[in-house]
Amino acid sequence: MLSLALLVFPSREVEAKKTYLSLELDNGSELVMPEENDLRPDDLNNDRSTSPFVSIEQPSDTRNSAEQSIDNDDGNSKPNTSTAESTPTDPHHKVIRVANGDTLSTIFADAGLSATSLHEVLNSSKEAKQFSRLKVGQALEFKLSADGQLESLSSKLNDLESIYLSRNDNGFSFKRDIVKPDVRTAYARGVINSSLFLSAKRAGLSHGLTMDLANVFGYDIDFAMDIRDGDEFELVYEEKVVNDKRVGTGNILSARFTNRGKTFTAVRYTDKQGNTSYYSADGTSMRKAFIRTPVDFARISSRFSNGRRHPILNKIRAHKGVDYAAARGTPIKAAGDGKIALAGRKGGYGNTVVIQHGTRYRTLYAHMQGFAKGIRTGGNVKQGQIIGYIGTTGLSTGPHLHYEFQVNGTHVDPLSQKLPMADPIARNEKQRFLQLSAPLMARMDQEKTTLLALNKR
């Protein structure tokens, strides 16, 4: 009788465990905190400023609490309980929506399926295990036979991807459907009055697209210190659409950014050899041998100086680099292509990476929390490649990056150093580039004029 009771009434854990709040970031997207043991340094600080994670303690059995609500993909607030829905005409068709605390085991139980059915599904193929990667608000659709056995299981992962499992003579077969979106171009414009991210959000840009915009102009504009109220940006970009619904964005095709009264332009161009880069409207390469800032949107906490008082040693000591303060775990990028001269501990610098760029230039990145995968002494890196994560190792009072720039063995201020340029558009490609560039720049002019006219009404 005890065994029968355990089968009929599956046990539930009564120990308290962490449930994580979902937060809205600056980019307008929802973020759900993962399990602590699953965190990696590059999971942290997605907005490059502060860690957005918050956790609260509550019993694990939240499925019976009608007071709590969760945000679903459709934007509606629903009780924090998974719900099994069956149509009046077809009692063998059930749709269950995932709630906080649910596992695939509890979902199967709600659908009236045994642990044996769950085991059969998960062991049918490697791909079938994707059904166990649940997200709050995700819907799982079950179709059962007349005797209550599972015939098929399906779930829509996002607007572009759905997965299916259907019974056959050999067990279950897995299928994945991916919808190819239509791609169209869109225009956006914004004026900065607080921060680039907030202004971009008001202009309808996603977090990722805003990062792309900053990276395009990152050689000419230091987004850590140069941005001012009144700066303007506009861009033409690819928009991915399914059934007239925007499901994502693609590449920036052209852009313009006015910073402190100076306007920079950018056009995306792929040459005849298939190499893609951004160039100014006249064909000058925007790419330089070094990016200006190795950390996205960090705050400068200490500048290059020959007479700074050291915060720990309390001595007047030359500060031969620039300190960028940011949240622990923020990614650090290689300023340029080069070979890693050191990836390891270096005295008061703590975890340090030193990169040699040819024979003339050298950069140093110190106080790292840890190194990115594959970063080791003697290896090669590409410009913009993540090499490590901000930390407090060595002589450091808080999480930050200490960044040094050397020219012919002499330390220089990386903020004022004139950086070498990359090659412009090849002469035999110039005409082809201008044929692409001219209409894109003209469209931005036309869209801006129309938008300003509408705002005056």
Protein backbone atom coordinates (compact mmCIF):
# COMPACT_ATOMS: atom_id res chain seq x y z
CA MET A 1 0.00 0.00 0.00
CA LEU A 2 2.88 2.36 0.80
CA SER A 3 4.49 1.67 -2.61
CA LEU A 4 1.15 2.26 -4.32
CA ALA A 5 0.68 5.53 -2.46
CA LEU A 6 4.12 6.75 -3.51
CA LEU A 7 3.35 5.99 -7.14
CA VAL A 8 -0.03 7.71 -7.09
CA PHE A 9 1.08 10.69 -5.03
CA PRO A 10 4.59 11.70 -6.13
CA SER A 11 6.56 13.24 -3.31
CA ARG A 12 7.44 16.94 -3.39
CA GLU A 13 10.48 18.49 -1.81
CA VAL A 14 9.70 20.65 1.16
CA GLU A 15 13.15 22.15 1.61
CA ALA A 16 13.49 25.82 0.80
CA LYS A 17 15.39 26.66 -2.33
CA LYS A 18 16.18 29.82 -4.28
CA THR A 19 13.73 31.11 -6.84
CA TYR A 20 15.00 33.82 -9.07
CA LEU A 21 13.17 36.94 -10.07
CA SER A 22 13.02 37.86 -13.72
CA LEU A 23 14.14 41.43 -14.31
CA GLU A 24 13.80 43.83 -17.19
CA LEU A 25 17.21 45.06 -18.35
CA ASP A 26 17.96 48.36 -20.07
CA ASN A 27 17.53 46.57 -23.34
CA GLY A 28 13.92 45.72 -22.47
CA SER A 29 14.52 41.97 -22.45
CA GLU A 30 13.64 39.64 -19.62
CA LEU A 31 16.46 38.01 -17.68
CA VAL A 32 15.91 34.99 -15.43
CA MET A 33 18.69 34.17 -12.98
CA PRO A 34 20.21 30.72 -13.62
CA GLU A 35 21.35 28.31 -10.95
CA GLU A 36 24.44 29.61 -9.15
CA ASN A 37 26.51 26.56 -10.08
CA ASP A 38 25.83 27.20 -13.77
CA LEU A 39 27.18 30.76 -13.76
CA ARG A 40 30.18 31.60 -15.88
CA PRO A 41 31.98 34.95 -15.83
CA ASP A 42 30.60 35.88 -19.26
CA ASP A 43 27.04 35.28 -17.99
CA LEU A 44 27.44 38.26 -15.67
CA ASN A 45 26.93 41.98 -16.24
CA ASN A 46 25.05 41.80 -19.49
CA ASP A 47 24.39 45.51 -19.34
CA ARG A 48 28.14 46.18 -18.68
CA SER A 49 27.35 48.26 -15.62
CA THR A 50 25.78 46.44 -12.68
CA SER A 51 24.86 42.88 -11.94
CA PRO A 52 21.09 42.55 -12.50
CA PHE A 53 20.55 39.38 -10.53
CA VAL A 54 18.28 39.28 -7.49
CA SER A 55 17.24 36.18 -5.57
CA ILE A 56 14.69 35.51 -2.86
CA GLU A 57 14.16 32.55 -0.57
CA GLN A 58 10.88 30.68 -0.77
CA PRO A 59 9.60 27.08 -0.63
CA SER A 60 10.22 25.06 -3.76
CA ASP A 61 6.59 24.06 -4.12
CA THR A 62 5.46 27.31 -5.69
CA ARG A 63 3.12 25.61 -8.09
CA ASN A 64 0.28 25.75 -5.55
CA SER A 65 0.72 29.43 -4.78
CA ALA A 66 -1.86 31.46 -6.67
CA GLU A 67 -0.53 34.72 -5.28
CA GLN A 68 2.69 34.73 -7.29
CA SER A 69 2.71 35.67 -10.95
CA ILE A 70 5.18 35.12 -13.73
CA ASP A 71 5.77 36.97 -16.95
CA ASN A 72 5.17 34.84 -20.00
CA ASP A 73 6.44 35.26 -23.53
CA ASP A 74 3.17 36.89 -24.54
CA GLY A 75 3.65 39.61 -21.92
CA ASN A 76 0.63 38.57 -19.84
CA SER A 77 0.86 37.96 -16.12
CA LYS A 78 -0.40 34.55 -15.02
CA PRO A 79 -0.53 32.70 -11.71
CA ASN A 80 2.70 30.95 -10.79
CA THR A 81 1.27 27.46 -11.39
CA SER A 82 1.66 25.17 -14.35
CA THR A 83 -1.70 24.56 -15.97
CA ALA A 84 -2.88 21.51 -17.87
CA GLU A 85 -5.41 22.52 -20.51
CA SER A 86 -7.47 19.94 -22.40
CA THR A 87 -9.96 20.82 -25.11
CA PRO A 88 -13.60 19.79 -24.47
CA THR A 89 -13.70 17.98 -27.82
CA ASP A 90 -10.39 16.18 -27.35
CA PRO A 91 -9.56 15.17 -23.74
CA HIS A 92 -6.40 13.49 -24.99
CA HIS A 93 -4.90 16.79 -26.13
CA LYS A 94 -3.25 18.74 -23.27
CA VAL A 95 -1.22 21.96 -23.24
CA ILE A 96 0.82 22.64 -20.09
CA ARG A 97 2.58 25.94 -19.44
CA VAL A 98 5.78 25.87 -17.39
CA ALA A 99 5.85 27.67 -14.03
CA ASN A 100 8.68 28.44 -11.62
CA GLY A 101 9.93 25.26 -9.96
CA ASP A 102 8.64 22.92 -12.65
CA THR A 103 10.70 20.07 -14.03
CA LEU A 104 9.89 17.78 -16.92
CA SER A 105 8.97 15.15 -14.32
CA THR A 106 6.29 17.34 -12.73
CA ILE A 107 5.05 18.41 -16.16
CA PHE A 108 4.61 14.76 -17.22
CA ALA A 109 2.80 14.05 -13.96
CA ASP A 110 0.39 16.93 -14.64
CA ALA A 111 -0.24 15.46 -18.09
CA GLY A 112 -1.14 12.14 -16.47
CA LEU A 113 1.98 10.35 -17.69
CA SER A 114 4.17 8.03 -15.66
CA ALA A 115 7.88 8.19 -14.92
CA THR A 116 8.30 5.31 -17.36
CA SER A 117 6.97 7.48 -20.18
CA LEU A 118 9.37 10.27 -19.23
CA HIS A 119 12.30 7.83 -19.19
CA GLU A 120 11.27 6.49 -22.61
CA VAL A 121 11.15 10.01 -24.07
CA LEU A 122 14.50 11.19 -22.70
CA ASN A 123 16.28 8.04 -23.82
CA SER A 124 14.83 8.02 -27.31
CA SER A 125 17.57 10.32 -28.67
CA LYS A 126 20.11 12.96 -27.64
CA GLU A 127 17.95 15.65 -29.23
CA ALA A 128 14.93 14.66 -27.12
CA LYS A 129 16.74 15.82 -23.98
CA GLN A 130 16.14 19.39 -25.16
CA PHE A 131 12.59 19.04 -23.83
CA SER A 132 14.05 19.06 -20.31
CA ARG A 133 15.53 22.57 -20.79
CA LEU A 134 12.44 24.38 -19.64
CA LYS A 135 11.75 28.10 -19.53
CA VAL A 136 9.09 29.83 -17.48
CA GLY A 137 6.04 30.42 -19.68
CA GLN A 138 7.02 27.79 -22.25
CA ALA A 139 4.10 25.65 -23.45
CA LEU A 140 4.35 21.87 -23.94
CA GLU A 141 1.66 20.20 -26.03
CA PHE A 142 0.82 16.54 -25.32
CA LYS A 143 -1.28 14.21 -27.46
CA LEU A 144 -2.32 10.97 -25.77
CA SER A 145 -3.73 7.73 -27.08
CA ALA A 146 -7.10 6.34 -26.01
CA ASP A 147 -5.39 4.32 -23.27
CA GLY A 148 -3.48 7.39 -21.97
CA GLN A 149 -0.10 6.69 -23.56
CA LEU A 150 2.00 9.49 -25.08
CA GLU A 151 1.60 9.75 -28.84
CA SER A 152 3.39 13.05 -29.47
CA LEU A 153 5.00 15.97 -27.66
CA SER A 154 5.78 19.40 -29.11
CA SER A 155 6.94 22.80 -27.90
CA LYS A 156 7.60 26.19 -29.50
CA LEU A 157 10.99 27.38 -28.25
CA ASN A 158 10.78 30.83 -29.82
CA ASP A 159 9.28 32.59 -32.84
CA LEU A 160 11.65 30.77 -35.16
CA GLU A 161 12.11 27.30 -33.67
CA SER A 162 9.83 24.44 -32.60
CA ILE A 163 10.64 20.85 -31.60
CA TYR A 164 8.49 17.72 -31.98
CA LEU A 165 8.54 14.14 -30.75
CA SER A 166 6.17 11.53 -32.22
CA ARG A 167 5.75 7.82 -31.58
CA ASN A 168 6.65 5.30 -34.26
CA ASP A 169 7.24 1.57 -34.42
CA ASN A 170 10.73 1.95 -32.95
CA GLY A 171 9.87 4.35 -30.12
CA PHE A 172 9.97 8.10 -30.75
CA SER A 173 11.33 10.22 -33.58
CA PHE A 174 12.57 13.77 -33.06
CA LYS A 175 11.99 16.68 -35.44
CA ARG A 176 13.04 20.33 -35.36
CA ASP A 177 11.32 23.03 -37.42
CA ILE A 178 13.13 26.31 -38.05
CA VAL A 179 11.26 29.12 -39.75
CA LYS A 180 13.33 31.27 -42.07
CA PRO A 181 12.34 34.90 -41.41
CA ASP A 182 11.90 37.56 -44.04
CA VAL A 183 14.59 40.25 -43.90
CA ARG A 184 13.71 43.90 -44.45
CA THR A 185 15.46 47.14 -43.67
CA ALA A 186 14.43 49.53 -40.91
CA TYR A 187 15.50 53.00 -39.75
CA ALA A 188 16.01 54.32 -36.22
CA ARG A 189 17.17 57.62 -34.78
CA GLY A 190 17.80 58.84 -31.25
CA VAL A 191 19.14 61.76 -29.24
CA ILE A 192 21.09 60.98 -26.07
CA ASN A 193 19.86 62.74 -22.93
CA SER A 194 20.93 60.26 -20.26
CA SER A 195 22.72 57.21 -21.68
CA LEU A 196 23.20 55.51 -25.01
CA PHE A 197 21.29 52.42 -23.87
CA LEU A 198 18.19 54.27 -22.68
CA SER A 199 18.09 56.47 -25.78
CA ALA A 200 18.56 53.45 -28.03
CA LYS A 201 15.78 51.61 -26.21
CA ARG A 202 13.42 54.54 -26.77
CA ALA A 203 14.38 54.41 -30.44
CA GLY A 204 13.33 50.76 -30.57
CA LEU A 205 16.80 49.20 -30.66
CA SER A 206 17.59 45.93 -28.90
CA HIS A 207 20.50 45.52 -26.50
CA GLY A 208 22.47 43.57 -29.09
CA LEU A 209 21.92 46.14 -31.81
CA THR A 210 23.02 48.92 -29.47
CA MET A 211 26.21 47.01 -28.72
CA ASP A 212 26.80 46.58 -32.46
CA LEU A 213 26.36 50.33 -32.97
CA ALA A 214 28.91 51.08 -30.26
CA ASN A 215 31.36 48.59 -31.74
CA VAL A 216 31.05 50.12 -35.21
CA PHE A 217 32.10 53.54 -33.89
CA GLY A 218 34.34 52.18 -31.11
CA TYR A 219 37.54 53.15 -32.93
CA ASP A 220 36.65 56.85 -33.02
CA ILE A 221 34.42 57.33 -29.97
CA ASP A 222 35.28 56.33 -26.41
CA PHE A 223 31.86 55.34 -25.07
CA ALA A 224 33.22 55.32 -21.51
CA MET A 225 33.97 59.05 -21.44
CA ASP A 226 33.11 60.84 -24.72
CA ILE A 227 29.29 60.55 -24.76
CA ARG A 228 27.41 63.79 -24.00
CA ASP A 229 23.77 64.86 -23.78
CA GLY A 230 22.65 66.00 -27.20
CA ASP A 231 24.72 63.45 -29.13
CA GLU A 232 22.71 61.90 -31.97
CA PHE A 233 22.69 58.57 -33.76
CA GLU A 234 20.79 57.08 -36.68
CA LEU A 235 21.06 53.83 -38.55
CA VAL A 236 19.61 51.60 -41.23
CA TYR A 237 19.61 47.96 -40.16
CA GLU A 238 18.22 44.55 -41.07
CA GLU A 239 15.02 43.45 -39.36
CA LYS A 240 13.89 39.81 -39.23
CA VAL A 241 10.13 39.34 -39.63
CA VAL A 242 7.75 36.37 -39.45
CA ASN A 243 4.08 36.97 -40.32
CA ASP A 244 4.60 40.74 -39.96
CA LYS A 245 5.98 40.25 -36.45
CA ARG A 246 9.53 41.37 -35.67
CA VAL A 247 11.46 38.41 -34.30
CA GLY A 248 15.01 39.73 -34.39
CA THR A 249 17.54 42.02 -36.02
CA GLY A 250 20.49 41.50 -38.33
CA ASN A 251 23.39 43.64 -39.45
CA ILE A 252 23.73 47.41 -39.33
CA LEU A 253 23.94 48.48 -42.98
CA SER A 254 24.75 52.15 -42.45
CA ALA A 255 24.97 54.49 -39.48
CA ARG A 256 25.75 58.03 -38.45
CA PHE A 257 26.83 59.20 -34.98
CA THR A 258 27.30 62.82 -33.95
CA ASN A 259 29.51 63.13 -30.88
CA ARG A 260 30.41 66.55 -29.43
CA GLY A 261 29.41 68.17 -32.72
CA LYS A 262 31.56 65.90 -34.90
CA THR A 263 29.75 63.46 -37.19
CA PHE A 264 31.06 59.98 -38.03
CA THR A 265 29.58 57.78 -40.76
CA ALA A 266 29.72 54.03 -41.32
CA VAL A 267 28.71 51.73 -44.19
CA ARG A 268 28.91 47.94 -44.14
CA TYR A 269 30.65 46.54 -47.19
CA THR A 270 31.64 43.06 -48.36
CA ASP A 271 34.40 43.03 -50.97
CA LYS A 272 34.76 40.64 -53.90
CA GLN A 273 36.82 38.25 -51.77
CA GLY A 274 34.02 38.00 -49.20
CA ASN A 275 35.66 40.13 -46.49
CA THR A 276 33.22 42.36 -44.58
CA SER A 277 34.08 45.54 -42.71
CA TYR A 278 32.77 49.05 -42.02
CA TYR A 279 34.00 52.11 -43.88
CA SER A 280 33.17 55.79 -43.70
CA ALA A 281 30.94 57.10 -46.48
CA ASP A 282 33.97 58.08 -48.61
CA GLY A 283 35.58 54.61 -48.34
CA THR A 284 38.03 55.23 -45.50
CA SER A 285 38.36 52.23 -43.22
CA MET A 286 36.83 52.67 -39.77
CA ARG A 287 38.94 49.83 -38.45
CA LYS A 288 42.15 50.80 -36.71
CA ALA A 289 44.93 48.58 -35.51
CA PHE A 290 43.62 49.02 -31.94
CA ILE A 291 40.22 49.59 -30.40
CA ARG A 292 40.06 52.61 -28.12
CA THR A 293 38.50 50.89 -25.08
CA PRO A 294 38.99 47.19 -24.18
CA VAL A 295 35.89 47.11 -21.90
CA ASP A 296 32.41 48.04 -23.11
CA PHE A 297 30.83 51.00 -21.28
CA ALA A 298 33.05 50.87 -18.21
CA ARG A 299 33.75 53.91 -16.02
CA ILE A 300 37.25 55.39 -15.96
CA SER A 301 38.28 55.35 -12.30
CA SER A 302 41.90 56.43 -12.72
CA ARG A 303 43.79 58.02 -15.62
CA PHE A 304 47.35 57.85 -16.89
CA SER A 305 49.54 59.89 -14.54
CA ASN A 306 53.15 60.29 -13.47
CA GLY A 307 52.24 61.41 -9.92
CA ARG A 308 49.26 59.47 -8.60
CA ARG A 309 49.05 58.35 -4.95
CA HIS A 310 48.66 54.57 -4.91
CA PRO A 311 45.38 53.67 -3.09
CA ILE A 312 46.93 50.68 -1.27
CA LEU A 313 50.63 51.53 -0.90
CA ASN A 314 49.81 55.20 -0.08
CA LYS A 315 52.83 56.34 -2.05
CA ILE A 316 53.23 58.78 -4.93
CA ARG A 317 53.76 56.46 -7.83
CA ALA A 318 53.43 56.77 -11.62
CA HIS A 319 50.21 55.27 -12.94
CA LYS A 320 51.27 53.98 -16.34
CA GLY A 321 47.84 53.05 -17.59
CA VAL A 322 44.10 53.66 -17.35
CA ASP A 323 41.77 51.96 -14.86
CA TYR A 324 38.28 50.96 -16.04
CA ALA A 325 35.85 50.18 -13.21
CA ALA A 326 33.06 47.72 -13.99
CA ALA A 327 31.21 44.84 -12.37
CA ARG A 328 33.11 41.67 -11.60
CA GLY A 329 32.96 39.28 -14.54
CA THR A 330 32.68 41.95 -17.24
CA PRO A 331 34.42 40.69 -20.42
CA ILE A 332 37.78 42.22 -21.42
CA LYS A 333 38.69 42.39 -25.12
CA ALA A 334 42.05 42.33 -26.87
CA ALA A 335 42.77 45.83 -28.19
CA GLY A 336 44.37 44.47 -31.35
CA ASP A 337 45.67 41.39 -33.14
CA GLY A 338 48.79 39.92 -31.58
CA LYS A 339 50.62 37.16 -29.75
CA ILE A 340 50.16 36.53 -26.02
CA ALA A 341 53.48 37.21 -24.28
CA LEU A 342 52.00 36.37 -20.86
CA ALA A 343 48.81 34.88 -19.47
CA GLY A 344 49.27 34.33 -15.73
CA ARG A 345 50.15 35.95 -12.40
CA LYS A 346 52.33 39.06 -12.43
CA GLY A 347 53.06 40.42 -8.92
CA GLY A 348 50.75 43.27 -7.88
CA TYR A 349 49.02 43.09 -11.25
CA GLY A 350 47.39 39.78 -10.27
CA ASN A 351 46.04 37.76 -13.18
CA THR A 352 47.49 39.48 -16.22
CA VAL A 353 47.55 39.19 -20.00
CA VAL A 354 50.28 40.88 -22.03
CA ILE A 355 49.90 41.00 -25.83
CA GLN A 356 52.68 41.83 -28.29
CA HIS A 357 51.35 43.52 -31.43
CA GLY A 358 54.12 43.23 -34.02
CA THR A 359 57.46 44.71 -32.98
CA ARG A 360 56.31 48.18 -31.97
CA TYR A 361 53.21 47.90 -29.77
CA ARG A 362 52.40 46.04 -26.55
CA THR A 363 49.29 46.09 -24.33
CA LEU A 364 48.76 44.85 -20.75
CA TYR A 365 45.50 43.86 -18.98
CA ALA A 366 45.68 43.36 -15.19
CA HIS A 367 43.65 42.37 -12.07
CA MET A 368 41.56 39.84 -14.03
CA GLN A 369 39.17 37.52 -12.25
CA GLY A 370 40.12 34.80 -14.72
CA PHE A 371 41.13 34.11 -18.31
CA ALA A 372 38.86 33.29 -21.21
CA LYS A 373 38.90 29.80 -22.67
CA GLY A 374 41.96 29.17 -24.82
CA ILE A 375 43.94 32.18 -23.56
CA ARG A 376 47.49 31.01 -22.76
CA THR A 377 51.05 32.22 -23.14
CA GLY A 378 52.26 31.85 -26.72
CA GLY A 379 48.79 31.84 -28.27
CA ASN A 380 47.44 34.31 -30.83
CA VAL A 381 44.44 36.60 -30.40
CA LYS A 382 42.31 38.69 -32.72
CA GLN A 383 41.16 42.25 -32.12
CA GLY A 384 37.99 42.29 -30.01
CA GLN A 385 38.44 38.68 -28.83
CA ILE A 386 37.50 38.17 -25.16
CA ILE A 387 40.67 37.40 -23.22
CA GLY A 388 39.46 37.53 -19.61
CA TYR A 389 37.06 39.01 -17.07
CA ILE A 390 37.26 41.94 -14.68
CA GLY A 391 38.22 41.06 -11.10
CA THR A 392 40.25 42.25 -8.10
CA THR A 393 43.35 40.06 -8.12
CA GLY A 394 46.68 41.57 -7.11
CA LEU A 395 46.90 45.02 -5.47
CA SER A 396 43.35 46.17 -6.19
CA THR A 397 40.72 47.90 -4.04
CA GLY A 398 37.77 46.91 -6.22
CA PRO A 399 36.82 45.20 -9.49
CA HIS A 400 38.45 47.00 -12.42
CA LEU A 401 40.77 46.59 -15.40
CA HIS A 402 44.20 48.20 -15.38
CA TYR A 403 45.13 48.75 -19.04
CA GLU A 404 48.55 49.77 -20.31
CA PHE A 405 49.72 50.73 -23.81
CA GLN A 406 53.38 50.72 -24.84
CA VAL A 407 55.02 52.06 -28.01
CA ASN A 408 58.60 50.92 -28.58
CA GLY A 409 58.86 49.96 -24.89
CA THR A 410 57.60 53.35 -23.60
CA HIS A 411 54.31 53.68 -21.71
CA VAL A 412 51.89 56.16 -23.33
CA ASP A 413 48.37 57.34 -22.47
CA PRO A 414 46.03 55.00 -24.38
CA LEU A 415 43.28 57.64 -24.31
CA SER A 416 45.32 60.25 -26.19
CA GLN A 417 47.53 58.01 -28.34
CA LYS A 418 46.87 58.42 -32.08
CA LEU A 419 46.09 54.93 -33.34
CA PRO A 420 47.34 53.58 -36.67
CA MET A 421 44.69 53.14 -39.38
CA ALA A 422 43.77 50.05 -41.36
CA ASP A 423 43.74 50.09 -45.17
CA PRO A 424 40.93 51.96 -47.00
CA ILE A 425 38.71 50.47 -49.72
CA ALA A 426 40.84 49.02 -52.51
CA ARG A 427 41.01 51.27 -55.58
CA ASN A 428 39.42 48.66 -57.84
CA GLU A 429 36.47 48.34 -55.39
CA LYS A 430 35.87 52.05 -54.78
CA GLN A 431 33.20 52.53 -57.47
CA ARG A 432 31.28 49.44 -56.34
CA PHE A 433 31.41 50.65 -52.73
CA LEU A 434 30.10 54.14 -53.62
CA GLN A 435 27.18 52.60 -55.51
CA LEU A 436 26.18 50.87 -52.28
CA SER A 437 27.04 53.72 -49.92
CA ALA A 438 25.25 56.59 -51.69
CA PRO A 439 21.65 55.25 -51.49
CA LEU A 440 22.10 54.18 -47.85
CA MET A 441 23.27 57.63 -46.81
CA ALA A 442 20.48 59.22 -48.88
CA ARG A 443 17.90 57.07 -47.13
CA MET A 444 19.12 58.20 -43.71
CA ASP A 445 18.85 61.83 -44.85
CA GLN A 446 15.30 61.28 -46.13
CA GLU A 447 14.14 59.34 -43.05
CA LYS A 448 15.58 61.95 -40.70
CA THR A 449 13.86 64.80 -42.58
CA THR A 450 10.51 62.97 -42.50
CA LEU A 451 10.84 62.10 -38.81
CA LEU A 452 11.72 65.67 -37.80
CA ALA A 453 8.80 67.01 -39.84
CA LEU A 454 6.37 64.64 -38.10
CA ASN A 455 7.70 65.65 -34.67
CA LYS A 456 7.01 69.33 -35.41
CA ARG A 457 3.32 68.71 -36.04
